[in-house]
């Protein structure tokens, strides 16, 4: 199987709504099977680990913009940045 074939399948799965493509700034694209909800992600600045984070408050899209400029908002993308527990504990040793 070629690398291109894998990317073609991932693109098709994303288009069909079976997987979700995420790409935090500075990271390569990743794909996850958790779709259909509006969860967010937390990213470690040290090691690059990524974890899912449920919406903090409210119904999706979780955030209401002060001015939607006429758009019908159906999703809000939030990325929390920090340091994971492993990187935090190893830095304090």
Protein backbone atom coordinates (compact mmCIF):
# COMPACT_ATOMS: atom_id res chain seq x y z
CA UNK A 1 0.00 0.00 0.00
CA UNK A 2 1.39 3.40 -0.92
CA UNK A 3 1.56 6.46 1.30
CA UNK A 4 -0.64 8.30 -1.21
CA UNK A 5 -3.30 5.58 -0.92
CA UNK A 6 -3.35 6.03 2.86
CA UNK A 7 -3.78 9.80 2.53
CA UNK A 8 -6.54 9.26 -0.06
CA UNK A 9 -8.39 6.96 2.34
CA UNK A 10 -7.97 9.41 5.23
CA UNK A 11 -9.29 12.23 3.04
CA UNK A 12 -12.31 10.12 2.05
CA UNK A 13 -13.00 9.10 5.66
CA UNK A 14 -12.79 12.76 6.72
CA UNK A 15 -15.15 13.84 3.93
CA UNK A 16 -17.61 11.12 4.99
CA UNK A 17 -17.48 12.33 8.61
CA UNK A 18 -16.03 9.06 9.90
CA UNK A 19 -12.79 10.61 11.16
CA UNK A 20 -11.76 14.13 12.13
CA UNK A 21 -8.52 15.77 11.03
CA UNK A 22 -6.75 17.92 13.59
CA UNK A 23 -3.53 19.85 13.17
CA UNK A 24 -2.47 22.06 16.07
CA UNK A 25 0.02 24.78 15.11
CA UNK A 26 3.47 23.30 14.59
CA UNK A 27 2.21 19.71 14.50
CA UNK A 28 1.64 17.24 11.71
CA UNK A 29 -1.95 16.36 10.83
CA UNK A 30 -3.55 13.71 13.02
CA UNK A 31 -6.81 11.87 12.62
CA UNK A 32 -9.21 10.81 15.33
CA UNK A 33 -12.33 8.70 15.39
CA UNK A 34 -14.14 10.92 17.90
CA UNK A 35 -16.50 12.82 15.61
CA UNK A 36 -19.95 14.34 15.95
CA UNK A 37 -19.23 16.36 19.04
CA UNK A 38 -17.38 19.60 19.48
CA UNK A 39 -14.59 18.58 21.83
CA UNK A 40 -11.28 20.40 21.98
CA UNK A 41 -7.65 19.43 22.55
CA UNK A 42 -4.86 20.12 25.00
CA UNK A 43 -1.31 20.07 23.60
CA UNK A 44 1.94 19.76 25.53
CA UNK A 45 4.45 22.43 24.52
CA UNK A 46 7.33 20.17 25.56
CA UNK A 47 6.65 16.72 24.12
CA UNK A 48 3.75 17.41 21.75
CA UNK A 49 1.31 15.00 23.43
CA UNK A 50 -2.32 15.72 22.55
CA UNK A 51 -5.40 14.80 24.59
CA UNK A 52 -9.12 15.36 24.12
CA UNK A 53 -10.87 17.93 26.30
CA UNK A 54 -14.64 18.13 26.51
CA UNK A 55 -16.32 21.51 26.18
CA UNK A 56 -15.98 23.45 29.40
CA UNK A 57 -19.46 24.99 29.51
CA UNK A 58 -22.61 25.17 27.45
CA UNK A 59 -23.97 23.53 24.33
CA UNK A 60 -21.92 23.21 21.13
CA UNK A 61 -20.41 25.26 19.64
CA UNK A 62 -19.30 26.07 23.23
CA UNK A 63 -18.29 29.60 22.38
CA UNK A 64 -20.40 32.42 21.08
CA UNK A 65 -18.48 35.06 19.13
CA UNK A 66 -19.15 38.70 19.96
CA UNK A 67 -19.89 39.29 16.25
CA UNK A 68 -20.64 36.29 14.03
CA UNK A 69 -20.47 38.48 10.88
CA UNK A 70 -23.62 36.76 9.60
CA UNK A 71 -22.16 33.25 9.73
CA UNK A 72 -24.19 30.34 11.08
CA UNK A 73 -21.68 28.93 13.56
CA UNK A 74 -21.72 25.14 14.01
CA UNK A 75 -18.31 24.50 15.52
CA UNK A 76 -15.73 26.26 17.66
CA UNK A 77 -12.09 25.19 17.59
CA UNK A 78 -10.17 25.68 20.80
CA UNK A 79 -6.68 24.39 21.52
CA UNK A 80 -5.35 24.59 25.05
CA UNK A 81 -1.54 24.76 25.29
CA UNK A 82 0.57 23.89 28.32
CA UNK A 83 2.77 21.12 29.69
CA UNK A 84 1.60 17.57 30.31
CA UNK A 85 2.00 15.96 33.75
CA UNK A 86 5.03 13.90 32.65
CA UNK A 87 6.90 16.94 31.32
CA UNK A 88 5.94 19.03 34.36
CA UNK A 89 7.16 16.39 36.84
CA UNK A 90 10.39 15.70 34.94
CA UNK A 91 11.19 19.44 34.87
CA UNK A 92 10.78 19.72 38.64
CA UNK A 93 13.27 16.90 39.39
